[in-house]
Amino acid sequence: MNDFPSIPLLEHRPYDRIRELYLYNEPALMAAIQRGDRGEARRLINLVLVHIYSAGQERSDLLKGLLLELVVMMSRAAIEAGAPQTEVLGMNFGFVSELAGLEDDEQLCEWLKRSLERLFLKIQAQEDFTPPLLLTRALEFMRENIGRDLTRDAVARHAGISPSHFSRLMKERTGRSFTELLRQIRVDLACQLLCKTDRSLVEIAQACSFCDQSHFTRVFQGAKGMTPRQYRARMGLDKPARLEGVLPKGTSS
């Protein structure tokens, strides 16, 4: 099933409509490259090529400019996915030289597809291939939604990556499993709430998505070597009155 809307070409301005289609699909294409989804990236490239071929005589320098714009965008996505910036920028000069000498449809098609494959090779050539943007997006989502019952699959889906690949990258980048990292984020938030608010332990346990105060205390003690109450006392914040003027009751940092 085609997920894209039908965009008819205007007979007198086919180039404008092709560029409109390209801009519509650019976010999805960038996301596919950033998460290493070669198949989806190829599909989107083919979609644009089909409409380029339908432009008839408009396949001219204007469309060459569009193809170059497309490759520059793909290069930016490749850099964000971990490809070496200097090497990708160097490749771009080669792309320009190659494109200038192409004329027929088949050559243009192969050039665009070959450019995509070369960018993927640069991404995958990294010994420590970890798409920083995707992992950052996942971690931000976890921190912003820590009060919810988060699952690995839900976080991976938000980041635009398969659950198994997400687990592997998370382990490589942080040295921890998803469960371990989620627990650490909850403990970190609990530390902030213990230090900067006068919330009760029950309230903090609930805010950090621990099932109850007992579970919260057990996990916190395992991570910090002391109970939440001891931690608050050690930080000099065992007396709620001392927090007056720092943060309103029930708020976090």
Protein backbone atom coordinates (compact mmCIF):
# COMPACT_ATOMS: atom_id res chain seq x y z
CA MET A 1 0.00 0.00 0.00
CA ASN A 2 1.34 3.43 -0.93
CA ASP A 3 1.48 5.70 2.12
CA PHE A 4 2.13 8.84 0.08
CA PRO A 5 -0.52 11.15 -1.34
CA SER A 6 -0.90 11.37 -5.08
CA ILE A 7 0.77 14.54 -6.29
CA PRO A 8 -0.14 15.19 -9.93
CA LEU A 9 2.45 16.96 -12.05
CA LEU A 10 1.49 20.30 -13.51
CA GLU A 11 2.08 20.15 -17.24
CA HIS A 12 3.67 23.58 -17.37
CA ARG A 13 5.68 23.28 -14.13
CA PRO A 14 6.69 19.65 -13.51
CA TYR A 15 9.90 20.64 -11.75
CA ASP A 16 8.04 22.53 -9.02
CA ARG A 17 5.84 19.54 -8.28
CA ILE A 18 8.78 17.15 -8.15
CA ARG A 19 10.53 19.39 -5.67
CA GLU A 20 7.34 19.57 -3.62
CA LEU A 21 7.25 15.78 -3.52
CA TYR A 22 10.91 15.66 -2.53
CA LEU A 23 10.41 18.16 0.31
CA TYR A 24 7.41 16.15 1.52
CA ASN A 25 9.52 12.99 1.76
CA GLU A 26 12.75 14.57 2.99
CA PRO A 27 12.09 14.02 6.74
CA ALA A 28 11.30 10.34 6.20
CA LEU A 29 14.37 9.87 4.02
CA MET A 30 16.65 11.55 6.57
CA ALA A 31 15.18 9.41 9.36
CA ALA A 32 15.74 6.23 7.34
CA ILE A 33 19.40 7.12 6.74
CA GLN A 34 19.96 8.10 10.37
CA ARG A 35 18.67 4.77 11.67
CA GLY A 36 20.52 2.77 9.03
CA ASP A 37 17.37 1.58 7.22
CA ARG A 38 18.80 1.11 3.74
CA GLY A 39 15.68 -0.54 2.33
CA GLU A 40 13.38 2.34 3.28
CA ALA A 41 15.89 4.90 1.99
CA ARG A 42 16.02 3.10 -1.36
CA ARG A 43 12.23 3.04 -1.56
CA LEU A 44 11.98 6.78 -1.03
CA ILE A 45 14.72 7.48 -3.56
CA ASN A 46 12.91 5.34 -6.12
CA LEU A 47 9.69 7.25 -5.47
CA VAL A 48 11.39 10.54 -6.30
CA LEU A 49 13.06 9.04 -9.38
CA VAL A 50 9.73 7.81 -10.77
CA HIS A 51 8.36 11.35 -10.64
CA ILE A 52 11.54 12.78 -12.13
CA TYR A 53 11.14 10.50 -15.13
CA SER A 54 7.57 11.69 -15.58
CA ALA A 55 8.79 15.27 -16.06
CA GLY A 56 9.68 14.70 -19.70
CA GLN A 57 11.70 17.55 -21.18
CA GLU A 58 12.04 19.19 -17.78
CA ARG A 59 14.81 16.69 -16.98
CA SER A 60 17.41 19.40 -17.37
CA ASP A 61 19.86 21.37 -15.26
CA LEU A 62 17.01 22.26 -12.92
CA LEU A 63 16.51 18.60 -12.07
CA LYS A 64 20.23 18.08 -11.76
CA GLY A 65 20.17 20.80 -9.14
CA LEU A 66 17.37 18.97 -7.36
CA LEU A 67 19.33 15.71 -7.39
CA LEU A 68 22.37 17.49 -5.98
CA GLU A 69 20.22 19.03 -3.24
CA LEU A 70 18.95 15.54 -2.45
CA VAL A 71 22.47 14.12 -2.14
CA VAL A 72 23.59 17.01 0.08
CA MET A 73 20.64 16.29 2.37
CA MET A 74 21.54 12.58 2.43
CA SER A 75 25.13 13.51 3.28
CA ARG A 76 23.95 15.58 6.24
CA ALA A 77 21.86 12.67 7.50
CA ALA A 78 24.84 10.32 7.09
CA ILE A 79 27.04 12.61 9.19
CA GLU A 80 24.39 12.72 11.91
CA ALA A 81 24.31 8.90 11.79
CA GLY A 82 28.04 8.66 12.51
CA ALA A 83 29.82 8.92 9.15
CA PRO A 84 33.09 10.97 9.28
CA GLN A 85 32.27 14.55 8.41
CA THR A 86 35.50 15.30 6.55
CA GLU A 87 35.19 12.17 4.41
CA VAL A 88 31.55 12.82 3.54
CA LEU A 89 32.25 16.44 2.61
CA GLY A 90 35.10 15.23 0.40
CA MET A 91 32.72 12.82 -1.29
CA ASN A 92 30.37 15.68 -2.06
CA PHE A 93 32.95 17.30 -4.33
CA GLY A 94 33.14 14.04 -6.24
CA PHE A 95 29.37 13.86 -6.47
CA VAL A 96 29.25 17.31 -8.10
CA SER A 97 31.89 16.41 -10.68
CA GLU A 98 30.15 13.17 -11.57
CA LEU A 99 26.74 14.77 -11.88
CA ALA A 100 27.99 17.45 -14.26
CA GLY A 101 28.88 14.85 -16.88
CA LEU A 102 25.62 12.88 -16.78
CA GLU A 103 22.84 13.31 -19.30
CA ASP A 104 20.60 10.30 -19.82
CA ASP A 105 18.01 8.95 -17.39
CA GLU A 106 19.76 5.69 -16.63
CA GLN A 107 22.99 7.41 -15.67
CA LEU A 108 21.20 9.87 -13.39
CA CYS A 109 19.31 7.04 -11.71
CA GLU A 110 22.43 4.99 -11.11
CA TRP A 111 24.34 8.03 -9.87
CA LEU A 112 21.72 8.80 -7.22
CA LYS A 113 21.49 5.19 -6.07
CA ARG A 114 25.26 4.81 -6.03
CA SER A 115 25.60 8.00 -3.97
CA LEU A 116 23.19 6.59 -1.38
CA GLU A 117 25.09 3.29 -1.19
CA ARG A 118 28.43 5.06 -0.76
CA LEU A 119 27.05 7.12 2.11
CA PHE A 120 25.75 3.97 3.84
CA LEU A 121 29.17 2.37 3.45
CA LYS A 122 30.75 5.38 5.17
CA ILE A 123 28.29 5.04 8.04
CA GLN A 124 28.83 1.31 8.45
CA ALA A 125 32.61 1.56 8.14
CA GLN A 126 32.82 3.05 11.61
CA GLU A 127 34.06 0.52 14.16
CA ASP A 128 31.86 2.12 16.79
CA PHE A 129 28.73 2.74 14.75
CA THR A 130 26.29 4.40 17.13
CA PRO A 131 23.88 6.93 15.62
CA PRO A 132 24.17 9.73 18.22
CA LEU A 133 20.98 11.46 17.17
CA LEU A 134 18.83 8.36 17.61
CA LEU A 135 20.23 7.49 21.02
CA THR A 136 19.92 11.08 22.21
CA ARG A 137 16.31 11.11 21.06
CA ALA A 138 15.64 7.87 22.94
CA LEU A 139 17.23 9.11 26.17
CA GLU A 140 15.34 12.40 26.02
CA PHE A 141 12.09 10.50 25.54
CA MET A 142 12.86 8.29 28.53
CA ARG A 143 13.64 11.27 30.78
CA GLU A 144 10.58 13.22 29.66
CA ASN A 145 8.26 10.26 30.16
CA ILE A 146 9.82 8.68 33.24
CA GLY A 147 6.49 8.85 35.04
CA ARG A 148 4.99 6.41 32.54
CA ASP A 149 5.35 2.65 32.31
CA LEU A 150 8.03 2.72 29.61
CA THR A 151 8.99 -0.33 27.59
CA ARG A 152 12.03 -0.94 25.41
CA ASP A 153 9.85 -1.37 22.32
CA ALA A 154 7.99 1.91 22.91
CA VAL A 155 11.23 3.88 23.31
CA ALA A 156 12.80 2.21 20.27
CA ARG A 157 9.70 2.98 18.20
CA HIS A 158 9.89 6.64 19.22
CA ALA A 159 13.56 6.79 18.20
CA GLY A 160 12.81 5.14 14.86
CA ILE A 161 14.91 2.02 15.35
CA SER A 162 14.21 -1.68 15.81
CA PRO A 163 14.03 -2.88 19.45
CA SER A 164 16.87 -5.39 19.02
CA HIS A 165 19.14 -2.86 17.32
CA PHE A 166 18.26 -0.29 19.96
CA SER A 167 19.26 -2.70 22.75
CA ARG A 168 22.60 -3.41 21.10
CA LEU A 169 23.41 0.26 20.54
CA MET A 170 22.35 1.16 24.08
CA LYS A 171 24.64 -1.51 25.52
CA GLU A 172 27.56 -0.44 23.32
CA ARG A 173 27.12 3.27 24.05
CA THR A 174 26.29 3.22 27.76
CA GLY A 175 27.46 -0.20 28.93
CA ARG A 176 23.98 -0.85 30.31
CA SER A 177 20.84 -2.66 29.27
CA PHE A 178 17.60 -0.78 28.73
CA THR A 179 16.30 -1.93 32.13
CA GLU A 180 19.48 -0.83 33.90
CA LEU A 181 19.48 2.56 32.21
CA LEU A 182 15.80 3.14 32.93
CA ARG A 183 16.41 2.30 36.58
CA GLN A 184 19.32 4.76 36.69
CA ILE A 185 17.22 7.55 35.18
CA ARG A 186 14.55 6.92 37.81
CA VAL A 187 17.11 6.99 40.60
CA ASP A 188 18.64 10.22 39.22
CA LEU A 189 15.22 11.88 39.21
CA ALA A 190 14.59 10.63 42.74
CA CYS A 191 17.84 12.24 43.86
CA GLN A 192 16.72 15.57 42.43
CA LEU A 193 13.35 15.36 44.14
CA LEU A 194 14.91 14.35 47.46
CA CYS A 195 17.28 17.32 47.31
CA LYS A 196 15.06 20.02 45.90
CA THR A 197 11.56 19.28 47.16
CA ASP A 198 9.92 18.27 50.40
CA ARG A 199 7.84 15.53 48.81
CA SER A 200 7.28 12.42 50.85
CA LEU A 201 8.99 9.16 49.89
CA VAL A 202 5.66 7.78 48.73
CA GLU A 203 5.15 10.74 46.41
CA ILE A 204 8.67 10.49 45.02
CA ALA A 205 8.31 6.76 44.45
CA GLN A 206 5.14 7.42 42.48
CA ALA A 207 6.65 10.29 40.47
CA CYS A 208 9.60 8.09 39.47
CA SER A 209 7.37 5.13 38.54
CA PHE A 210 8.47 2.77 41.30
CA CYS A 211 5.67 0.38 42.16
CA ASP A 212 5.71 1.35 45.84
CA GLN A 213 7.88 2.95 48.53
CA SER A 214 9.43 -0.36 49.52
CA HIS A 215 10.55 -1.07 45.98
CA PHE A 216 11.82 2.50 45.64
CA THR A 217 13.89 2.19 48.82
CA ARG A 218 15.36 -1.15 47.76
CA VAL A 219 16.37 0.03 44.28
CA PHE A 220 17.68 3.36 45.54
CA GLN A 221 19.78 1.72 48.24
CA GLY A 222 21.22 -0.70 45.68
CA ALA A 223 22.26 2.20 43.46
CA LYS A 224 23.43 4.71 46.07
CA GLY A 225 24.46 2.54 49.01
CA MET A 226 21.99 4.28 51.33
CA THR A 227 18.25 4.67 51.71
CA PRO A 228 16.40 7.67 50.23
CA ARG A 229 15.88 9.02 53.75
CA GLN A 230 19.61 8.71 54.53
CA TYR A 231 20.45 10.38 51.22
CA ARG A 232 18.18 13.33 51.99
CA ALA A 233 19.68 13.66 55.47
CA ARG A 234 23.23 13.50 54.16
CA MET A 235 22.45 16.24 51.67
CA GLY A 236 21.26 18.35 54.59
CA LEU A 237 17.68 18.39 53.43
CA ASP A 238 15.99 16.19 55.98
CA LYS A 239 14.04 19.15 57.33
CA PRO A 240 11.41 20.34 54.85
CA ALA A 241 11.38 23.78 56.42
CA ARG A 242 14.88 24.40 55.09
CA LEU A 243 13.50 24.14 51.56
CA GLU A 244 11.22 27.14 51.86
CA GLY A 245 11.95 29.54 49.04
CA VAL A 246 13.83 26.95 47.00
CA LEU A 247 10.96 25.20 45.24
CA PRO A 248 7.25 25.14 45.84
CA LYS A 249 5.96 21.96 47.41
CA GLY A 250 5.32 19.20 44.93
CA THR A 251 7.52 20.60 42.14
CA SER A 252 10.69 19.23 40.71
CA SER A 253 13.73 20.90 39.30
